[in-house]
Amino acid sequence: MRTRHLALLLVPFLATLSLVSLPAAAQSTRMGKLRITVNPKQAYVFIDGKAMRDGNQTISLTAGKHQVDVVNYGYFSNTQEADVPGGATLDLHVTLQKSGENVSGPFGDIEFKGHPRAAVLLNGTTPAYFVGHVDEFDNNFLWHQWLLVHPGKYAVTVTRHGNTIWSGPIDVKAGQRVVVYLNDNGKMKTHNFQRGLTLGPQPRFDAGIASAMVPVAPVTAQLAASQSTANCGQSATLNWSDSNAVATSITDLGNVSSSGDKSVSPTQTTTYKLVASGPGGIVTRTATIDVNAQPAAMLTLSTPEVTFQKIGDKVVTQGSATLSWTTSDGNRVTIQPLGNVSDNGSQTIQPTPDQTTAGPVNQNVTYTLKVSNACGGTATRTATLHIIGSIKPAPAVTLASVFYPTNYPVHSHPRVGLVPSQEKELAEAAATFKNHEEYAQPNKLLIVGHADVRGPAVYNMALSMRRAELVKDYLVSQGIPASEIEVRADGKRQELTEAQVKQLQARDPEAPPKWMTAHQKTTWLAYNRRVDIIREPAGQESVEAFPSDGGNARIVWERPQPAFRSFEKVVAQIPANEHQTLASNTYAK
């Protein structure tokens, strides 16, 4: 260093270092002193982030805790908290340890004029970016005082006591010296510096009595990704390292250590940018991971077509198919109309057509798979199943009223009275009822017995009950459960009128024989010797069609009660013990 600068070291400095001016009475309690001794002697002191000066010094501070940074380029810095007592002095001794290897060129040189005690920081404003003070870089005449840097652009800050004396960019080229005049608003001049092209590796800090050389090591950095492409949700590893950097940051990771690795799962194509900054420069490195956001999906059916057949309420044929799917790179999978499903799987499906009315079935059912992921990617696949078949109503139930000969069945022969034609009607009714029950909700049969107007009401009520019970027994014999049959006797309370009988005959597709039309009164009586059958809850009532054709019609129609032996000829299933002549004076009803 120059002689005049050496002399300045002997000048008392306490007055200029006082950061707070207080009344004398208050200073003994609110002010204290920090007496700091440093090694090497050129080391620079920062208090609470503010540049103070180089070397050993005593600093007046407000009482309390302060952060003390002692730095010197080429040495590990020292940062600690000092609790300065009020009205007393705190002694602090700091010895720094050397760090870093020699630095090779080529070099340029930065020289400063003015403000010799001010700190010089490159590419940052914290103590970590300190490279020296102006008095170490302000002469190149008798002594070498060089701030050597690699070619490049540098953001320079010259500061002291929390004040920025000058800051600005400097573009340094190899073999060139840039002189900055701090007292002239940072005016710069450029000179040749050929020594910078030939200097060999230099230690990071070298100072003599009046010389100093600080070659600043360039910042280097590397950033790499374990893979350049990834599917959505797939992870990759970022690996990085740098040297001579003070601060390092990476996109999405924030500040990081000088070396390391980190697993990342980008949701879109991402370029990770590493920025490593230090006194020797600011270096940027990038690594790009291309993200394939599109998920993969497949949806298939084991067969393109199934059969559906329904009769009444019963599905008699319902074909099935297997729906299979696979997806990858998705985090939500749905299949409509199934809902949420696993990423991969299969499911047996038995589709039901939307159609509810009778007729042929011809419908397509489309299954739609949708898969999405956190990267915003989506995929849609469809599979269509064709349903063919038919919907038919439940088989019809044929119900016909049953007609009895006069006074049959009598009390002594309650199982005799059905002629073959009426048994045939009942057999057909039983068969259609059972067939209907197979395809529909359970029904019940209400058997209602009637009698013509002749005879007392009590007798006719009992006679109509026997008639209803005989019909029930026959239906049970045809396989209809007794629990599904109820009986009721109406006697002669619900008589058909003669006009109603004529209307029934008119609706009959078969014209009645003359012997019926010639004796309308007898025909009216015959129509009321019947049993009606009602299917509930449907409300279907038996057709009141008199069996006017066939060999049994006459015996059922005649007004007198037929003799048992005459009746026996038309009734094939009469038990042997009932073969007897019925009394002729029995009420003919």
Foldseek 3Di string as FASTA:
>chain_A
DDPVVVVVVPDACAVVQELDDDPPVCQQQFKFKEWEAEPPQQWWKDKQQFTAFGGTHMHIDTAAKIWIWTDEWQWDIDIDIDGTGRNYYHYYYYYTHGDDDFAFDLWEWEAEADDQGWWKFKPDRGPQRTHGGRQQGHDDDPAARTAIAYFAKIWIFTGHPPDTLATDIDGTHGQKYWYFYSVVRRDIDMDGRNVSRVDGTGRQWDDDPRHIYHYQHAKDKDWEWQDQEEEQPDKIKIWMAMPQFDWKQKPPGGTDDRTDMDIDGDLAWDKIWMWTHHNRGIDIDIGIYHYDFAKDKDKDKQDQEAEWEAEAQDTPGFGKIKIWMAIPSFDWKAKPPVGTDDRTDIDIDGDDDPDDDWDWDWDKDKIKMWTHHPSGHIDIDIGIHIYTYTYHYQQDAAFAKAFWFWCPPPPVQLLDTGFVVRLVRLLSRLVSQVSRVVRYPDKAKEKEFEAFPDDDQVSQQVSRQSVSVNSLVSSVVSPDDSVRYHYHYDYHVDADDLVNLVVLQVPDPDHADPVCVVCSVLVSRRLRRIMKMAIPPVRDIHRSHQCRDDDCRVSSRDQAPDWQVVSCVRHPPRDPVPRDTDDRPPGGD
